[in-house]
C-alpha cells in the first residue's frame, strides 16, 4: 500500500497541483489524475483500490489502460522520492 513521504508540501494551482519536497528542494507538477492518485497514497489503499477509484471517478473507456497509468504514476512518485519504501 503506497504511502506519501512526510515533508511534501502540496499547493493547488488551477487545474494542476504543485508538490514541493523541501529536502530535495524540487517541485513536481501533477495533473488532476496524478493528484487523485497522490491523495490515495495514504497507506490505506492498495494499488488495486487506487485503480478502481480512478475507474470510478474519471470518464475513461474500458479499453483505456488505467492499471498501466496508475503503475507509471506510482513509479514516477517512487523515482522522485515522494513515497515511503
PDB file of N, CA and C in Angstrom:
ATOM      1  N   UNK A   1       0.839  -1.175   0.000  1.00  0.00           N
ATOM      2  CA  UNK A   1       0.000   0.000   0.000  1.00  0.00           C
ATOM      3  C   UNK A   1       0.886   1.241   0.000  1.00  0.00           C
ATOM      4  N   UNK A   2       0.843   1.998  -1.074  1.00  0.00           N
ATOM      5  CA  UNK A   2       1.713   3.179  -1.168  1.00  0.00           C
ATOM      6  C   UNK A   2       1.363   4.244  -0.129  1.00  0.00           C
ATOM      7  N   UNK A   3       2.404   4.895   0.383  1.00  0.00           N
ATOM      8  CA  UNK A   3       2.201   5.959   1.365  1.00  0.00           C
ATOM      9  C   UNK A   3       3.138   7.132   1.052  1.00  0.00           C
ATOM     10  N   UNK A   4       2.557   8.328   1.114  1.00  0.00           N
ATOM     11  CA  UNK A   4       3.326   9.543   0.831  1.00  0.00           C
ATOM     12  C   UNK A   4       4.380   9.768   1.913  1.00  0.00           C
ATOM     13  N   UNK A   5       5.520  10.324   1.503  1.00  0.00           N
ATOM     14  CA  UNK A   5       6.540  10.724   2.472  1.00  0.00           C
ATOM     15  C   UNK A   5       6.088  11.970   3.203  1.00  0.00           C
ATOM     16  N   UNK A   6       6.545  12.105   4.421  1.00  0.00           N
ATOM     17  CA  UNK A   6       6.309  13.317   5.188  1.00  0.00           C
ATOM     18  C   UNK A   6       7.170  14.440   4.602  1.00  0.00           C
ATOM     19  N   UNK A   7       6.769  15.669   4.824  1.00  0.00           N
ATOM     20  CA  UNK A   7       7.576  16.805   4.394  1.00  0.00           C
ATOM     21  C   UNK A   7       7.369  17.221   2.955  1.00  0.00           C
ATOM     22  N   UNK A   8       6.326  16.704   2.314  1.00  0.00           N
ATOM     23  CA  UNK A   8       5.995  17.114   0.949  1.00  0.00           C
ATOM     24  C   UNK A   8       4.855  18.132   1.052  1.00  0.00           C
ATOM     25  N   UNK A   9       5.112  19.325   0.565  1.00  0.00           N
ATOM     26  CA  UNK A   9       4.108  20.378   0.618  1.00  0.00           C
ATOM     27  C   UNK A   9       3.283  20.351  -0.659  1.00  0.00           C
ATOM     28  N   UNK A  10       1.976  20.550  -0.520  1.00  0.00           N
ATOM     29  CA  UNK A  10       1.050  20.455  -1.644  1.00  0.00           C
ATOM     30  C   UNK A  10       0.335  21.788  -1.816  1.00  0.00           C
ATOM     31  N   UNK A  11       0.292  22.272  -3.059  1.00  0.00           N
ATOM     32  CA  UNK A  11      -0.394  23.527  -3.357  1.00  0.00           C
ATOM     33  C   UNK A  11      -1.158  23.373  -4.663  1.00  0.00           C
ATOM     34  N   UNK A  12      -2.465  23.611  -4.626  1.00  0.00           N
ATOM     35  CA  UNK A  12      -3.254  23.596  -5.855  1.00  0.00           C
ATOM     36  C   UNK A  12      -3.019  24.896  -6.605  1.00  0.00           C
ATOM     37  N   UNK A  13      -2.794  24.772  -7.913  1.00  0.00           N
ATOM     38  CA  UNK A  13      -2.591  25.951  -8.765  1.00  0.00           C
ATOM     39  C   UNK A  13      -3.461  25.778 -10.011  1.00  0.00           C
ATOM     40  N   UNK A  14      -4.695  26.161  -9.891  1.00  0.00           N
ATOM     41  CA  UNK A  14      -5.625  25.987 -11.007  1.00  0.00           C
ATOM     42  C   UNK A  14      -5.959  24.532 -11.209  1.00  0.00           C
ATOM     43  N   UNK A  15      -5.725  24.050 -12.426  1.00  0.00           N
ATOM     44  CA  UNK A  15      -6.043  22.656 -12.762  1.00  0.00           C
ATOM     45  C   UNK A  15      -4.932  21.692 -12.400  1.00  0.00           C
ATOM     46  N   UNK A  16      -3.846  22.210 -11.894  1.00  0.00           N
ATOM     47  CA  UNK A  16      -2.705  21.363 -11.540  1.00  0.00           C
ATOM     48  C   UNK A  16      -2.393  21.506 -10.058  1.00  0.00           C
ATOM     49  N   UNK A  17      -1.572  20.598  -9.575  1.00  0.00           N
ATOM     50  CA  UNK A  17      -1.148  20.606  -8.179  1.00  0.00           C
ATOM     51  C   UNK A  17       0.371  20.589  -8.137  1.00  0.00           C
ATOM     52  N   UNK A  18       0.902  21.395  -7.287  1.00  0.00           N
ATOM     53  CA  UNK A  18       2.344  21.513  -7.129  1.00  0.00           C
ATOM     54  C   UNK A  18       2.754  20.776  -5.861  1.00  0.00           C
ATOM     55  N   UNK A  19       3.721  19.864  -5.996  1.00  0.00           N
ATOM     56  CA  UNK A  19       4.323  19.196  -4.846  1.00  0.00           C
ATOM     57  C   UNK A  19       5.714  19.779  -4.670  1.00  0.00           C
ATOM     58  N   UNK A  20       6.063  20.074  -3.437  1.00  0.00           N
ATOM     59  CA  UNK A  20       7.402  20.598  -3.168  1.00  0.00           C
ATOM     60  C   UNK A  20       8.043  19.763  -2.081  1.00  0.00           C
ATOM     61  N   UNK A  21       9.190  19.219  -2.416  1.00  0.00           N
ATOM     62  CA  UNK A  21       9.965  18.451  -1.452  1.00  0.00           C
ATOM     63  C   UNK A  21      11.056  19.364  -0.906  1.00  0.00           C
ATOM     64  N   UNK A  22      10.908  19.783   0.334  1.00  0.00           N
ATOM     65  CA  UNK A  22      11.887  20.688   0.949  1.00  0.00           C
ATOM     66  C   UNK A  22      13.251  20.015   1.066  1.00  0.00           C
ATOM     67  N   UNK A  23      13.252  18.730   1.334  1.00  0.00           N
ATOM     68  CA  UNK A  23      14.516  18.017   1.498  1.00  0.00           C
ATOM     69  C   UNK A  23      15.334  18.023   0.213  1.00  0.00           C
ATOM     70  N   UNK A  24      14.676  17.700  -0.906  1.00  0.00           N
ATOM     71  CA  UNK A  24      15.373  17.671  -2.184  1.00  0.00           C
ATOM     72  C   UNK A  24      15.365  19.030  -2.885  1.00  0.00           C
ATOM     73  N   UNK A  25      14.567  19.961  -2.361  1.00  0.00           N
ATOM     74  CA  UNK A  25      14.409  21.290  -2.963  1.00  0.00           C
ATOM     75  C   UNK A  25      14.010  21.201  -4.427  1.00  0.00           C
ATOM     76  N   UNK A  26      12.935  20.460  -4.661  1.00  0.00           N
ATOM     77  CA  UNK A  26      12.465  20.260  -6.026  1.00  0.00           C
ATOM     78  C   UNK A  26      10.939  20.311  -6.056  1.00  0.00           C
ATOM     79  N   UNK A  27      10.410  20.816  -7.167  1.00  0.00           N
ATOM     80  CA  UNK A  27       8.975  20.899  -7.403  1.00  0.00           C
ATOM     81  C   UNK A  27       8.556  19.831  -8.398  1.00  0.00           C
ATOM     82  N   UNK A  28       7.325  19.370  -8.258  1.00  0.00           N
ATOM     83  CA  UNK A  28       6.720  18.451  -9.218  1.00  0.00           C
ATOM     84  C   UNK A  28       5.307  18.951  -9.472  1.00  0.00           C
ATOM     85  N   UNK A  29       4.888  18.943 -10.724  1.00  0.00           N
ATOM     86  CA  UNK A  29       3.549  19.395 -11.092  1.00  0.00           C
ATOM     87  C   UNK A  29       2.728  18.179 -11.492  1.00  0.00           C
ATOM     88  N   UNK A  30       1.548  18.062 -10.875  1.00  0.00           N
ATOM     89  CA  UNK A  30       0.666  16.931 -11.139  1.00  0.00           C
ATOM     90  C   UNK A  30      -0.589  17.389 -11.858  1.00  0.00           C
ATOM     91  N   UNK A  31      -1.057  16.572 -12.796  1.00  0.00           N
ATOM     92  CA  UNK A  31      -2.361  16.835 -13.398  1.00  0.00           C
ATOM     93  C   UNK A  31      -3.433  16.273 -12.448  1.00  0.00           C
ATOM     94  N   UNK A  32      -4.690  16.413 -12.833  1.00  0.00           N
ATOM     95  CA  UNK A  32      -5.795  16.014 -11.950  1.00  0.00           C
ATOM     96  C   UNK A  32      -5.761  14.527 -11.602  1.00  0.00           C
ATOM     97  N   UNK A  33      -5.440  13.689 -12.576  1.00  0.00           N
ATOM     98  CA  UNK A  33      -5.406  12.245 -12.313  1.00  0.00           C
ATOM     99  C   UNK A  33      -4.266  11.886 -11.374  1.00  0.00           C
ATOM    100  N   UNK A  34      -3.090  12.441 -11.610  1.00  0.00           N
ATOM    101  CA  UNK A  34      -1.948  12.166 -10.738  1.00  0.00           C
ATOM    102  C   UNK A  34      -2.205  12.683  -9.325  1.00  0.00           C
ATOM    103  N   UNK A  35      -2.856  13.833  -9.202  1.00  0.00           N
ATOM    104  CA  UNK A  35      -3.197  14.359  -7.870  1.00  0.00           C
ATOM    105  C   UNK A  35      -4.147  13.400  -7.156  1.00  0.00           C
ATOM    106  N   UNK A  36      -5.132  12.894  -7.883  1.00  0.00           N
ATOM    107  CA  UNK A  36      -6.089  11.951  -7.307  1.00  0.00           C
ATOM    108  C   UNK A  36      -5.360  10.711  -6.790  1.00  0.00           C
ATOM    109  N   UNK A  37      -4.433  10.189  -7.590  1.00  0.00           N
ATOM    110  CA  UNK A  37      -3.637   9.025  -7.177  1.00  0.00           C
ATOM    111  C   UNK A  37      -2.790   9.383  -5.967  1.00  0.00           C
ATOM    112  N   UNK A  38      -2.163  10.558  -5.978  1.00  0.00           N
ATOM    113  CA  UNK A  38      -1.342  11.035  -4.859  1.00  0.00           C
ATOM    114  C   UNK A  38      -2.140  11.025  -3.554  1.00  0.00           C
ATOM    115  N   UNK A  39      -3.358  11.539  -3.618  1.00  0.00           N
ATOM    116  CA  UNK A  39      -4.186  11.620  -2.418  1.00  0.00           C
ATOM    117  C   UNK A  39      -4.531  10.243  -1.863  1.00  0.00           C
ATOM    118  N   UNK A  40      -4.582   9.236  -2.730  1.00  0.00           N
ATOM    119  CA  UNK A  40      -4.904   7.876  -2.283  1.00  0.00           C
ATOM    120  C   UNK A  40      -3.681   7.114  -1.783  1.00  0.00           C
ATOM    121  N   UNK A  41      -2.509   7.718  -1.889  1.00  0.00           N
ATOM    122  CA  UNK A  41      -1.286   7.102  -1.363  1.00  0.00           C
ATOM    123  C   UNK A  41      -1.184   7.429   0.127  1.00  0.00           C
ATOM    124  N   UNK A  42      -2.115   6.868   0.876  1.00  0.00           N
ATOM    125  CA  UNK A  42      -2.231   7.173   2.300  1.00  0.00           C
ATOM    126  C   UNK A  42      -1.938   5.968   3.191  1.00  0.00           C
ATOM    127  N   UNK A  43      -1.471   4.889   2.590  1.00  0.00           N
ATOM    128  CA  UNK A  43      -1.177   3.689   3.353  1.00  0.00           C
ATOM    129  C   UNK A  43      -2.397   2.852   3.663  1.00  0.00           C
ATOM    130  N   UNK A  44      -3.569   3.310   3.222  1.00  0.00           N
ATOM    131  CA  UNK A  44      -4.812   2.578   3.464  1.00  0.00           C
ATOM    132  C   UNK A  44      -5.414   2.004   2.192  1.00  0.00           C
ATOM    133  N   UNK A  45      -4.903   2.438   1.040  1.00  0.00           N
ATOM    134  CA  UNK A  45      -5.424   1.978  -0.243  1.00  0.00           C
ATOM    135  C   UNK A  45      -4.368   1.140  -0.960  1.00  0.00           C
ATOM    136  N   UNK A  46      -4.788  -0.035  -1.403  1.00  0.00           N
ATOM    137  CA  UNK A  46      -3.895  -0.874  -2.200  1.00  0.00           C
ATOM    138  C   UNK A  46      -3.838  -0.312  -3.619  1.00  0.00           C
ATOM    139  N   UNK A  47      -2.923  -0.826  -4.409  1.00  0.00           N
ATOM    140  CA  UNK A  47      -2.834  -0.398  -5.801  1.00  0.00           C
ATOM    141  C   UNK A  47      -4.133  -0.739  -6.529  1.00  0.00           C
ATOM    142  N   UNK A  48      -4.704  -1.884  -6.225  1.00  0.00           N
ATOM    143  CA  UNK A  48      -5.974  -2.272  -6.839  1.00  0.00           C
ATOM    144  C   UNK A  48      -7.084  -1.303  -6.426  1.00  0.00           C
ATOM    145  N   UNK A  49      -7.093  -0.867  -5.162  1.00  0.00           N
ATOM    146  CA  UNK A  49      -8.076   0.123  -4.709  1.00  0.00           C
ATOM    147  C   UNK A  49      -7.927   1.426  -5.488  1.00  0.00           C
ATOM    148  N   UNK A  50      -6.686   1.842  -5.698  1.00  0.00           N
ATOM    149  CA  UNK A  50      -6.418   3.083  -6.421  1.00  0.00           C
ATOM    150  C   UNK A  50      -6.897   2.957  -7.865  1.00  0.00           C
ATOM    151  N   UNK A  51      -6.606   1.832  -8.506  1.00  0.00           N
ATOM    152  CA  UNK A  51      -7.065   1.616  -9.882  1.00  0.00           C
ATOM    153  C   UNK A  51      -8.583   1.701  -9.962  1.00  0.00           C
ATOM    154  N   UNK A  52      -9.269   1.059  -9.030  1.00  0.00           N
ATOM    155  CA  UNK A  52     -10.743   1.079  -9.042  1.00  0.00           C
ATOM    156  C   UNK A  52     -11.273   2.490  -8.786  1.00  0.00           C
ATOM    157  N   UNK A  53     -10.652   3.223  -7.888  1.00  0.00           N
ATOM    158  CA  UNK A  53     -11.079   4.593  -7.604  1.00  0.00           C
ATOM    159  C   UNK A  53     -10.916   5.481  -8.836  1.00  0.00           C
ATOM    160  N   UNK A  54      -9.835   5.289  -9.588  1.00  0.00           N
ATOM    161  CA  UNK A  54      -9.644   6.056 -10.821  1.00  0.00           C
ATOM    162  C   UNK A  54     -10.747   5.701 -11.813  1.00  0.00           C
ATOM    163  N   UNK A  55     -11.046   4.412 -11.959  1.00  0.00           N
ATOM    164  CA  UNK A  55     -12.137   3.988 -12.857  1.00  0.00           C
ATOM    165  C   UNK A  55     -13.462   4.627 -12.444  1.00  0.00           C
ATOM    166  N   UNK A  56     -13.722   4.670 -11.147  1.00  0.00           N
ATOM    167  CA  UNK A  56     -14.992   5.178 -10.642  1.00  0.00           C
ATOM    168  C   UNK A  56     -15.123   6.697 -10.747  1.00  0.00           C
ATOM    169  N   UNK A  57     -14.000   7.415 -10.766  1.00  0.00           N
ATOM    170  CA  UNK A  57     -14.056   8.874 -10.686  1.00  0.00           C
ATOM    171  C   UNK A  57     -13.682   9.612 -11.965  1.00  0.00           C
ATOM    172  N   UNK A  58     -13.204   8.906 -12.976  1.00  0.00           N
ATOM    173  CA  UNK A  58     -12.827   9.548 -14.227  1.00  0.00           C
ATOM    174  C   UNK A  58     -13.525   8.834 -15.381  1.00  0.00           C
ATOM    175  N   UNK A  59     -13.945   9.591 -16.356  1.00  0.00           N
ATOM    176  CA  UNK A  59     -14.607   9.019 -17.534  1.00  0.00           C
ATOM    177  C   UNK A  59     -13.556   8.520 -18.511  1.00  0.00           C
ATOM    178  N   UNK A  60     -13.410   7.201 -18.552  1.00  0.00           N
ATOM    179  CA  UNK A  60     -12.446   6.588 -19.461  1.00  0.00           C
ATOM    180  C   UNK A  60     -13.083   5.351 -20.079  1.00  0.00           C
ATOM    181  N   UNK A  61     -12.718   5.076 -21.314  1.00  0.00           N
ATOM    182  CA  UNK A  61     -13.258   3.887 -21.969  1.00  0.00           C
ATOM    183  C   UNK A  61     -12.699   2.635 -21.304  1.00  0.00           C
ATOM    184  N   UNK A  62     -13.392   1.538 -21.491  1.00  0.00           N
ATOM    185  CA  UNK A  62     -12.947   0.260 -20.909  1.00  0.00           C
ATOM    186  C   UNK A  62     -11.588  -0.172 -21.455  1.00  0.00           C
ATOM    187  N   UNK A  63     -11.291   0.253 -22.689  1.00  0.00           N
ATOM    188  CA  UNK A  63     -10.027  -0.128 -23.319  1.00  0.00           C
ATOM    189  C   UNK A  63      -8.839   0.645 -22.745  1.00  0.00           C
ATOM    190  N   UNK A  64      -9.107   1.740 -22.063  1.00  0.00           N
ATOM    191  CA  UNK A  64      -8.033   2.581 -21.537  1.00  0.00           C
ATOM    192  C   UNK A  64      -7.244   1.805 -20.476  1.00  0.00           C
ATOM    193  N   UNK A  65      -5.928   1.915 -20.515  1.00  0.00           N
ATOM    194  CA  UNK A  65      -5.042   1.169 -19.620  1.00  0.00           C
ATOM    195  C   UNK A  65      -4.879   1.904 -18.276  1.00  0.00           C
ATOM    196  N   UNK A  66      -5.905   1.850 -17.458  1.00  0.00           N
ATOM    197  CA  UNK A  66      -5.875   2.524 -16.159  1.00  0.00           C
ATOM    198  C   UNK A  66      -4.808   1.911 -15.264  1.00  0.00           C
ATOM    199  N   UNK A  67      -4.727   0.598 -15.244  1.00  0.00           N
ATOM    200  CA  UNK A  67      -3.723  -0.068 -14.397  1.00  0.00           C
ATOM    201  C   UNK A  67      -2.320   0.388 -14.786  1.00  0.00           C
ATOM    202  N   UNK A  68      -2.062   0.487 -16.081  1.00  0.00           N
ATOM    203  CA  UNK A  68      -0.757   0.950 -16.541  1.00  0.00           C
ATOM    204  C   UNK A  68      -0.477   2.385 -16.132  1.00  0.00           C
ATOM    205  N   UNK A  69      -1.487   3.242 -16.252  1.00  0.00           N
ATOM    206  CA  UNK A  69      -1.312   4.639 -15.845  1.00  0.00           C
ATOM    207  C   UNK A  69      -1.043   4.756 -14.348  1.00  0.00           C
ATOM    208  N   UNK A  70      -1.771   3.999 -13.553  1.00  0.00           N
ATOM    209  CA  UNK A  70      -1.546   4.035 -12.104  1.00  0.00           C
ATOM    210  C   UNK A  70      -0.135   3.555 -11.797  1.00  0.00           C
ATOM    211  N   UNK A  71       0.288   2.466 -12.423  1.00  0.00           N
ATOM    212  CA  UNK A  71       1.630   1.936 -12.199  1.00  0.00           C
ATOM    213  C   UNK A  71       2.704   2.956 -12.594  1.00  0.00           C
ATOM    214  N   UNK A  72       2.529   3.595 -13.761  1.00  0.00           N
ATOM    215  CA  UNK A  72       3.506   4.595 -14.209  1.00  0.00           C
ATOM    216  C   UNK A  72       3.544   5.783 -13.247  1.00  0.00           C
ATOM    217  N   UNK A  73       2.385   6.204 -12.763  1.00  0.00           N
ATOM    218  CA  UNK A  73       2.338   7.333 -11.831  1.00  0.00           C
ATOM    219  C   UNK A  73       3.023   6.972 -10.522  1.00  0.00           C
ATOM    220  N   UNK A  74       2.762   5.791 -10.007  1.00  0.00           N
ATOM    221  CA  UNK A  74       3.405   5.359  -8.764  1.00  0.00           C
ATOM    222  C   UNK A  74       4.920   5.218  -8.958  1.00  0.00           C
ATOM    223  N   UNK A  75       5.343   4.707 -10.104  1.00  0.00           N
ATOM    224  CA  UNK A  75       6.782   4.608 -10.386  1.00  0.00           C
ATOM    225  C   UNK A  75       7.415   5.991 -10.433  1.00  0.00           C
ATOM    226  N   UNK A  76       6.705   6.961 -10.999  1.00  0.00           N
ATOM    227  CA  UNK A  76       7.198   8.341 -11.016  1.00  0.00           C
ATOM    228  C   UNK A  76       7.362   8.842  -9.585  1.00  0.00           C
ATOM    229  N   UNK A  77       6.327   8.648  -8.756  1.00  0.00           N
ATOM    230  CA  UNK A  77       6.402   9.084  -7.355  1.00  0.00           C
ATOM    231  C   UNK A  77       7.595   8.440  -6.653  1.00  0.00           C
ATOM    232  N   UNK A  78       7.803   7.147  -6.886  1.00  0.00           N
ATOM    233  CA  UNK A  78       8.921   6.435  -6.259  1.00  0.00           C
ATOM    234  C   UNK A  78      10.255   6.990  -6.768  1.00  0.00           C
ATOM    235  N   UNK A  79      10.374   7.173  -8.078  1.00  0.00           N
ATOM    236  CA  UNK A  79      11.629   7.647  -8.656  1.00  0.00           C
ATOM    237  C   UNK A  79      11.995   9.052  -8.165  1.00  0.00           C
ATOM    238  N   UNK A  80      11.010   9.826  -7.802  1.00  0.00           N
ATOM    239  CA  UNK A  80      11.247  11.186  -7.319  1.00  0.00           C
ATOM    240  C   UNK A  80      11.350  11.259  -5.796  1.00  0.00           C
ATOM    241  N   UNK A  81      11.272  10.094  -5.136  1.00  0.00           N
ATOM    242  CA  UNK A  81      11.416  10.045  -3.680  1.00  0.00           C
ATOM    243  C   UNK A  81      10.216  10.615  -2.935  1.00  0.00           C
ATOM    244  N   UNK A  82       9.026  10.484  -3.534  1.00  0.00           N
ATOM    245  CA  UNK A  82       7.830  11.042  -2.915  1.00  0.00           C
ATOM    246  C   UNK A  82       7.058  10.044  -2.059  1.00  0.00           C
ATOM    247  N   UNK A  83       7.381   8.748  -2.210  1.00  0.00           N
ATOM    248  CA  UNK A  83       6.700   7.711  -1.439  1.00  0.00           C
ATOM    249  C   UNK A  83       7.681   7.016  -0.496  1.00  0.00           C
ATOM    250  N   UNK A  84       7.127   6.517   0.608  1.00  0.00           N
ATOM    251  CA  UNK A  84       7.930   5.726   1.535  1.00  0.00           C
ATOM    252  C   UNK A  84       8.284   4.406   0.879  1.00  0.00           C
ATOM    253  N   UNK A  85       9.365   3.794   1.310  1.00  0.00           N
ATOM    254  CA  UNK A  85       9.761   2.480   0.775  1.00  0.00           C
ATOM    255  C   UNK A  85       8.889   1.397   1.359  1.00  0.00           C
TER     256      UNK A  85
END
